[in-house]
């Protein structure tokens, strides 16, 4: 590997070791698209909650104004009730004074005062006068009593209105608190979505970097490789003659093809430098052509990987679970190189073999080299 690879590998290991399983559990491109859609949805939900909060704020403000009006009315009613009660108390005091005076008259023979009248007409006049006084007092007391009762009833009604407004305000406060809690949860969810989106983007960028570095490494290797045509494994023309006739490295279904295209979900350009062949875990994969093991071990992004040199060409077998060869070893076509797994930056939680054919480090479509089936 070239300088700087170890540092980047450490960064990737930290990302993957943190439990953020974007790369292991699903295609980061799909994750990126899903998180973008989820972000839009969460932003829409936050906007909805904000609108509801604004509407609730308007309702609370309206109720506050209504409460102030009710409170003002209550204070006015309390003042009027106090004034009515004071007037009633004054009138009652005057009536009581007159009643006491009448009582004293009774005790001093009120009948004598009446019947000492000089004439029947004077008697009737005195009787009517006393009766008028009594009726006047009774009417005034009844009037003040009715005023007091009306004001008490009004004040009770105002108190009921105030209690109703307070209940509405309390209900709206509860709704407001619930909406603010919901908004806080949505904001936290939005933060989580954006973190997953950013991680997916990092994984995609990391994949592009490791593919570029592997290509550069293979290009340097192929340029430095011996060009002795007497060595079959190093003869470019020998491998080239196998075009379209190479055996498959493992039996299975191609789940991702070769090439550059636009992801239908994300709309972004994606690139696969080989083909991904799905197979059961632990299935042996084999060399498609004889050559020298250039690398056998963990390659950042590709996981457990075998790279075979065939002169100017090379083949790559990645995401293995275990390897059966070591660097520098000579292998023949059909030799077992390792076992299918899902190590490295894979696009699925299933198991597959990533297979590439490269010429001077430049990837070519492996399906064109393999036997038709």
Protein backbone atom coordinates (compact mmCIF):
# COMPACT_ATOMS: atom_id res chain seq x y z
CA UNK A 1 0.00 0.00 0.00
CA UNK A 2 1.13 3.57 -0.58
CA UNK A 3 2.02 6.00 2.26
CA UNK A 4 -1.02 7.39 4.09
CA UNK A 5 -3.10 4.24 3.77
CA UNK A 6 -2.58 3.22 7.40
CA UNK A 7 -3.84 6.57 8.71
CA UNK A 8 -6.95 6.44 6.61
CA UNK A 9 -7.51 2.83 7.64
CA UNK A 10 -7.43 3.90 11.26
CA UNK A 11 -10.08 6.57 10.59
CA UNK A 12 -12.30 4.04 8.83
CA UNK A 13 -11.81 1.53 11.64
CA UNK A 14 -12.93 4.13 14.17
CA UNK A 15 -16.03 4.87 12.09
CA UNK A 16 -16.96 1.24 11.71
CA UNK A 17 -15.99 0.35 15.27
CA UNK A 18 -18.30 3.03 16.67
CA UNK A 19 -21.30 0.86 15.86
CA UNK A 20 -22.35 2.87 12.81
CA UNK A 21 -23.13 -0.08 10.58
CA UNK A 22 -24.07 1.76 7.41
CA UNK A 23 -21.47 -0.02 5.33
CA UNK A 24 -22.11 -3.46 6.75
CA UNK A 25 -25.90 -3.53 6.78
CA UNK A 26 -27.01 -1.64 3.68
CA UNK A 27 -25.78 0.08 0.57
CA UNK A 28 -24.47 3.52 1.64
CA UNK A 29 -25.88 5.00 -1.57
CA UNK A 30 -29.32 3.74 -0.62
CA UNK A 31 -28.74 4.98 2.94
CA UNK A 32 -27.82 8.39 1.57
CA UNK A 33 -31.02 8.54 -0.49
CA UNK A 34 -33.15 7.25 2.37
CA UNK A 35 -31.72 9.74 4.84
CA UNK A 36 -32.30 12.59 2.40
CA UNK A 37 -35.95 11.59 2.04
CA UNK A 38 -36.21 11.07 5.79
CA UNK A 39 -34.64 14.47 6.39
CA UNK A 40 -37.24 16.10 4.13
CA UNK A 41 -40.00 14.27 5.97
CA UNK A 42 -38.69 15.25 9.41
CA UNK A 43 -38.27 18.88 8.31
CA UNK A 44 -41.88 18.79 7.13
CA UNK A 45 -42.98 17.40 10.50
CA UNK A 46 -41.04 20.10 12.34
CA UNK A 47 -42.68 22.74 10.14
CA UNK A 48 -46.10 21.23 10.94
CA UNK A 49 -45.38 21.31 14.67
CA UNK A 50 -44.14 24.89 14.40
CA UNK A 51 -47.38 25.92 12.67
CA UNK A 52 -49.40 24.22 15.39
CA UNK A 53 -47.31 25.97 18.04
CA UNK A 54 -47.92 29.32 16.38
CA UNK A 55 -51.66 28.60 16.23
CA UNK A 56 -51.64 27.57 19.88
CA UNK A 57 -49.72 30.72 20.74
CA UNK A 58 -52.42 32.79 19.03
CA UNK A 59 -55.12 30.90 20.95
CA UNK A 60 -53.28 31.37 24.24
CA UNK A 61 -52.83 35.07 23.50
CA UNK A 62 -56.55 35.36 22.69
CA UNK A 63 -57.44 33.58 25.92
CA UNK A 64 -55.07 35.83 27.80
CA UNK A 65 -56.91 38.87 26.44
CA UNK A 66 -60.22 37.21 27.27
CA UNK A 67 -58.99 36.43 30.76
CA UNK A 68 -57.92 40.04 31.24
CA UNK A 69 -61.38 41.21 30.13
CA UNK A 70 -63.08 38.75 32.48
CA UNK A 71 -60.82 39.83 35.33
CA UNK A 72 -61.57 43.49 34.61
CA UNK A 73 -65.29 42.71 34.58
CA UNK A 74 -64.95 40.78 37.81
CA UNK A 75 -63.22 43.69 39.52
CA UNK A 76 -65.98 46.00 38.31
CA UNK A 77 -68.63 43.61 39.56
CA UNK A 78 -66.89 43.32 42.90
CA UNK A 79 -66.89 47.11 43.18
CA UNK A 80 -70.56 47.34 42.24
CA UNK A 81 -71.43 44.55 44.65
CA UNK A 82 -69.52 46.27 47.44
CA UNK A 83 -71.34 49.54 46.68
CA UNK A 84 -74.72 47.78 46.62
CA UNK A 85 -73.94 45.98 49.83
CA UNK A 86 -72.91 49.27 51.47
CA UNK A 87 -76.13 50.96 50.30
CA UNK A 88 -78.15 47.99 51.54
CA UNK A 89 -76.35 48.12 54.88
CA UNK A 90 -77.09 51.88 55.18
CA UNK A 91 -80.75 51.37 54.30
CA UNK A 92 -81.03 48.46 56.69
CA UNK A 93 -79.48 50.57 59.43
CA UNK A 94 -82.01 53.35 58.83
CA UNK A 95 -84.88 50.87 58.81
CA UNK A 96 -83.60 49.29 61.97
CA UNK A 97 -83.48 52.74 63.57
CA UNK A 98 -87.06 53.40 62.56
CA UNK A 99 -88.10 49.95 63.76
CA UNK A 100 -86.51 50.64 67.12
CA UNK A 101 -88.32 53.98 67.28
CA UNK A 102 -91.61 52.26 66.44
CA UNK A 103 -90.90 49.65 69.06
CA UNK A 104 -90.43 52.38 71.61
CA UNK A 105 -93.71 53.96 70.48
CA UNK A 106 -95.43 50.62 70.90
CA UNK A 107 -94.01 50.32 74.36
CA UNK A 108 -95.34 53.85 75.13
CA UNK A 109 -98.78 53.01 73.88
CA UNK A 110 -98.68 53.63 70.15
CA UNK A 111 -102.40 52.94 70.09
CA UNK A 112 -102.95 55.88 72.39
CA UNK A 113 -100.99 58.14 70.04
CA UNK A 114 -103.16 57.00 67.18
CA UNK A 115 -106.45 57.11 68.92
CA UNK A 116 -105.74 60.49 70.53
CA UNK A 117 -106.43 61.94 67.14
CA UNK A 118 -108.88 64.76 67.28
CA UNK A 119 -110.98 63.32 64.45
CA UNK A 120 -111.42 60.18 62.39
CA UNK A 121 -109.82 61.99 59.48
CA UNK A 122 -106.75 62.76 61.56
CA UNK A 123 -106.65 59.10 62.65
CA UNK A 124 -106.75 57.89 59.11
CA UNK A 125 -104.06 60.38 58.13
CA UNK A 126 -101.77 59.18 60.94
CA UNK A 127 -102.39 55.50 60.04
CA UNK A 128 -101.72 56.10 56.37
CA UNK A 129 -98.50 57.93 57.24
CA UNK A 130 -97.19 55.06 59.36
CA UNK A 131 -98.23 52.50 56.75
CA UNK A 132 -96.53 54.51 54.00
CA UNK A 133 -93.35 54.63 56.05
CA UNK A 134 -93.41 50.87 56.54
CA UNK A 135 -94.15 50.16 52.86
CA UNK A 136 -91.43 52.57 51.74
CA UNK A 137 -88.88 50.89 53.98
CA UNK A 138 -89.95 47.45 52.83
CA UNK A 139 -89.73 48.45 49.13
CA UNK A 140 -86.31 50.03 49.56
CA UNK A 141 -85.04 46.98 51.41
CA UNK A 142 -86.46 44.68 48.71
CA UNK A 143 -84.86 46.82 45.97
CA UNK A 144 -81.45 46.80 47.62
CA UNK A 145 -81.76 43.08 48.33
CA UNK A 146 -82.54 42.42 44.64
CA UNK A 147 -79.55 44.56 43.56
CA UNK A 148 -77.24 42.68 45.87
CA UNK A 149 -78.53 39.31 44.67
CA UNK A 150 -78.22 40.33 41.01
CA UNK A 151 -74.66 41.49 41.53
CA UNK A 152 -73.80 38.33 43.42
CA UNK A 153 -75.24 36.25 40.58
CA UNK A 154 -73.28 38.29 38.03
CA UNK A 155 -70.11 37.91 40.05
CA UNK A 156 -70.69 34.17 40.27
CA UNK A 157 -71.13 34.08 36.48
CA UNK A 158 -67.90 36.02 36.04
CA UNK A 159 -66.14 33.58 38.35
CA UNK A 160 -67.42 30.70 36.23
CA UNK A 161 -66.17 32.45 33.09
CA UNK A 162 -62.82 33.00 34.70
CA UNK A 163 -62.62 29.32 35.71
CA UNK A 164 -63.56 28.29 32.15
CA UNK A 165 -60.89 30.53 30.64
CA UNK A 166 -58.33 29.20 33.12
CA UNK A 167 -59.28 25.62 32.16
CA UNK A 168 -58.87 26.43 28.46
CA UNK A 169 -55.53 28.06 29.16
CA UNK A 170 -54.35 25.02 31.14
CA UNK A 171 -55.45 22.67 28.34
CA UNK A 172 -53.62 24.77 25.75
CA UNK A 173 -50.51 24.85 27.92
CA UNK A 174 -50.60 21.06 28.11
CA UNK A 175 -50.95 20.86 24.32
CA UNK A 176 -48.16 23.39 23.91
CA UNK A 177 -45.87 21.36 26.19
CA UNK A 178 -46.70 18.18 24.26
CA UNK A 179 -45.96 19.90 20.94
CA UNK A 180 -42.67 21.27 22.25
CA UNK A 181 -41.72 17.76 23.40
CA UNK A 182 -42.67 16.42 19.96
CA UNK A 183 -40.62 19.14 18.30
CA UNK A 184 -37.62 18.29 20.49
CA UNK A 185 -37.94 14.63 19.47
CA UNK A 186 -38.18 15.62 15.79
CA UNK A 187 -35.10 17.81 16.09
CA UNK A 188 -33.21 14.94 17.75
CA UNK A 189 -34.38 12.62 14.97
CA UNK A 190 -33.26 15.14 12.38
CA UNK A 191 -29.83 15.27 13.99
CA UNK A 192 -29.63 11.46 13.91
CA UNK A 193 -30.74 11.36 10.25
CA UNK A 194 -28.12 13.92 9.30
CA UNK A 195 -25.42 11.97 11.14
CA UNK A 196 -26.37 8.80 9.25
CA UNK A 197 -26.47 10.75 6.00
CA UNK A 198 -23.01 12.18 6.66
CA UNK A 199 -21.67 8.74 7.55
CA UNK A 200 -23.12 7.26 4.36
CA UNK A 201 -21.40 10.02 2.39
CA UNK A 202 -18.11 9.27 4.20
CA UNK A 203 -18.45 5.57 3.38
CA UNK A 204 -19.09 6.33 -0.31
CA UNK A 205 -16.08 8.64 -0.42
CA UNK A 206 -13.97 6.03 1.36
CA UNK A 207 -15.02 3.39 -1.14
CA UNK A 208 -13.97 5.64 -4.02
CA UNK A 209 -10.62 6.32 -2.33
CA UNK A 210 -9.75 2.67 -1.71
CA UNK A 211 -10.71 1.72 -5.26
CA UNK A 212 -8.48 4.48 -6.57
CA UNK A 213 -5.60 3.41 -4.35
CA UNK A 214 -5.91 -0.25 -5.36
CA UNK A 215 -5.93 0.77 -9.00
CA UNK A 216 -2.78 2.84 -8.50
CA UNK A 217 -1.07 0.00 -6.63
CA UNK A 218 -1.88 -2.52 -9.35
CA UNK A 219 -0.77 -0.10 -12.04
CA UNK A 220 2.60 0.37 -10.33
CA UNK A 221 2.95 -3.41 -9.91
CA UNK A 222 2.12 -4.20 -13.51
CA UNK A 223 4.61 -1.62 -14.78
CA UNK A 224 7.32 -3.14 -12.61
CA UNK A 225 6.45 -6.75 -13.47
CA UNK A 226 8.93 -8.78 -15.54
CA UNK A 227 8.12 -8.96 -19.21
CA UNK A 228 9.84 -12.33 -19.86
CA UNK A 229 7.55 -14.08 -22.36
CA UNK A 230 9.04 -17.39 -21.24
CA UNK A 231 7.14 -16.99 -17.96
CA UNK A 232 3.50 -18.00 -18.72
CA UNK A 233 2.12 -16.25 -15.67
CA UNK A 234 3.76 -12.98 -16.70
CA UNK A 235 2.96 -13.10 -20.41
CA UNK A 236 0.31 -10.48 -21.26
CA UNK A 237 -0.70 -12.24 -24.45
CA UNK A 238 -1.38 -15.54 -22.65
CA UNK A 239 -4.03 -14.04 -20.37
CA UNK A 240 -5.46 -12.02 -23.22
CA UNK A 241 -6.15 -15.20 -25.16
CA UNK A 242 -8.53 -16.29 -22.36
CA UNK A 243 -10.87 -13.38 -23.11
CA UNK A 244 -14.45 -14.61 -22.86
CA UNK A 245 -13.36 -18.08 -21.72
CA UNK A 246 -12.34 -17.61 -18.08
CA UNK A 247 -14.14 -19.87 -15.61
CA UNK A 248 -16.28 -18.23 -12.93
CA UNK A 249 -14.46 -17.78 -9.60
CA UNK A 250 -17.57 -18.94 -7.72
CA UNK A 251 -21.02 -20.11 -8.68
CA UNK A 252 -23.69 -17.57 -7.82
CA UNK A 253 -25.91 -14.73 -8.89
CA UNK A 254 -24.50 -11.38 -9.97
CA UNK A 255 -26.09 -8.85 -7.60
CA UNK A 256 -24.19 -5.82 -8.85
CA UNK A 257 -22.71 -5.33 -12.26
CA UNK A 258 -19.71 -3.45 -13.57
CA UNK A 259 -19.56 0.16 -14.64
CA UNK A 260 -20.61 3.72 -14.03
CA UNK A 261 -24.24 4.73 -13.83
CA UNK A 262 -26.77 6.98 -12.16
CA UNK A 263 -28.30 5.59 -9.02
CA UNK A 264 -32.10 5.65 -9.60
CA UNK A 265 -32.68 6.42 -5.93
CA UNK A 266 -29.99 8.97 -5.09
CA UNK A 267 -29.49 10.47 -8.54
CA UNK A 268 -25.73 10.36 -7.90
CA UNK A 269 -23.08 8.75 -10.08
CA UNK A 270 -21.99 5.35 -8.79
CA UNK A 271 -19.16 3.16 -10.04
CA UNK A 272 -18.43 -0.52 -9.57
CA UNK A 273 -14.98 -1.65 -10.67
CA UNK A 274 -15.96 -5.30 -10.83
CA UNK A 275 -18.93 -7.60 -10.31
CA UNK A 276 -20.43 -8.80 -7.05
CA UNK A 277 -21.39 -12.47 -7.06
CA UNK A 278 -23.71 -13.64 -4.30
CA UNK A 279 -22.87 -17.03 -2.76
CA UNK A 280 -23.40 -18.86 0.55
CA UNK A 281 -21.10 -18.03 3.42
CA UNK A 282 -17.87 -20.04 3.34
CA UNK A 283 -18.19 -21.14 -0.30
CA UNK A 284 -14.67 -21.66 -1.78
CA UNK A 285 -13.71 -19.27 -4.58
CA UNK A 286 -11.03 -20.20 -7.13
CA UNK A 287 -8.42 -18.59 -9.36
CA UNK A 288 -9.77 -17.99 -12.87
CA UNK A 289 -6.23 -18.11 -14.31
CA UNK A 290 -2.77 -19.13 -13.18
CA UNK A 291 -0.54 -16.43 -11.72
CA UNK A 292 1.37 -15.08 -8.76
CA UNK A 293 -0.29 -13.96 -5.55
CA UNK A 294 0.60 -10.28 -5.36
CA UNK A 295 -1.41 -9.60 -2.20
CA UNK A 296 -3.26 -11.83 0.23
CA UNK A 297 -4.70 -10.16 3.31
CA UNK A 298 -6.84 -7.31 4.49
CA UNK A 299 -7.11 -4.36 2.11
CA UNK A 300 -8.95 -1.32 3.41
CA UNK A 301 -12.45 -1.23 1.97
CA UNK A 302 -12.07 -4.58 0.17
CA UNK A 303 -11.69 -6.66 3.34
CA UNK A 304 -9.93 -10.02 3.03
CA UNK A 305 -8.60 -9.89 -0.53
CA UNK A 306 -6.47 -11.84 -2.96
CA UNK A 307 -4.79 -10.09 -5.89
CA UNK A 308 -3.30 -12.31 -8.60
CA UNK A 309 -0.83 -11.04 -11.18
CA UNK A 310 -1.06 -12.32 -14.75
CA UNK A 311 1.54 -10.13 -16.41
CA UNK A 312 -0.01 -6.80 -17.34
CA UNK A 313 -3.36 -8.12 -16.16
CA UNK A 314 -4.49 -8.84 -12.63
CA UNK A 315 -7.57 -10.34 -11.01
CA UNK A 316 -9.00 -9.29 -7.66
CA UNK A 317 -11.08 -11.41 -5.26
CA UNK A 318 -12.45 -9.39 -2.33
CA UNK A 319 -14.74 -9.48 0.75
CA UNK A 320 -13.57 -12.98 1.67
CA UNK A 321 -14.11 -14.66 5.01
CA UNK A 322 -10.78 -16.47 4.97
CA UNK A 323 -7.81 -16.95 2.63
CA UNK A 324 -5.90 -20.08 1.57
CA UNK A 325 -2.91 -18.43 -0.15
CA UNK A 326 -0.07 -16.08 0.78
CA UNK A 327 1.74 -13.33 -1.08
CA UNK A 328 4.35 -14.62 -3.55
CA UNK A 329 2.69 -18.00 -3.96
CA UNK A 330 2.22 -19.41 -7.47
CA UNK A 331 -1.31 -20.68 -8.16
CA UNK A 332 -2.96 -22.40 -11.07
CA UNK A 333 -6.39 -21.95 -12.58
CA UNK A 334 -9.02 -23.56 -10.35
CA UNK A 335 -6.93 -23.42 -7.15
CA UNK A 336 -8.91 -22.43 -4.05
CA UNK A 337 -7.92 -18.94 -2.94
CA UNK A 338 -10.30 -18.44 -0.01
CA UNK A 339 -13.91 -18.48 1.14
CA UNK A 340 -16.87 -16.21 0.48
CA UNK A 341 -17.73 -13.72 3.27
CA UNK A 342 -18.69 -10.07 3.70
CA UNK A 343 -15.59 -8.36 5.07
CA UNK A 344 -14.73 -4.76 4.17
CA UNK A 345 -17.16 -2.20 2.74
CA UNK A 346 -19.89 -4.40 1.36
CA UNK A 347 -23.26 -3.23 0.04
CA UNK A 348 -25.37 -5.86 1.78
CA UNK A 349 -25.64 -7.88 4.96
CA UNK A 350 -25.49 -11.00 2.78
CA UNK A 351 -22.37 -12.77 1.45
CA UNK A 352 -20.64 -12.22 -1.85
CA UNK A 353 -17.40 -12.28 -3.79
CA UNK A 354 -16.27 -9.07 -5.43
CA UNK A 355 -14.35 -10.03 -8.59
CA UNK A 356 -12.32 -7.71 -10.84
CA UNK A 357 -10.16 -7.94 -13.94
CA UNK A 358 -7.64 -5.11 -14.42
CA UNK A 359 -5.12 -4.18 -17.11
CA UNK A 360 -2.24 -2.07 -15.82
CA UNK A 361 -4.46 -1.27 -12.85
CA UNK A 362 -7.41 -0.13 -14.98
CA UNK A 363 -10.61 -2.10 -14.30
CA UNK A 364 -12.37 -3.89 -17.15
CA UNK A 365 -15.77 -5.52 -17.32
CA UNK A 366 -15.25 -8.99 -15.79
CA UNK A 367 -18.37 -10.42 -17.43
CA UNK A 368 -16.76 -9.92 -20.84
CA UNK A 369 -13.86 -12.11 -19.70
CA UNK A 370 -15.91 -14.85 -18.07
CA UNK A 371 -17.60 -17.74 -19.83
CA UNK A 372 -21.17 -17.08 -20.84
CA UNK A 373 -23.77 -18.97 -18.83
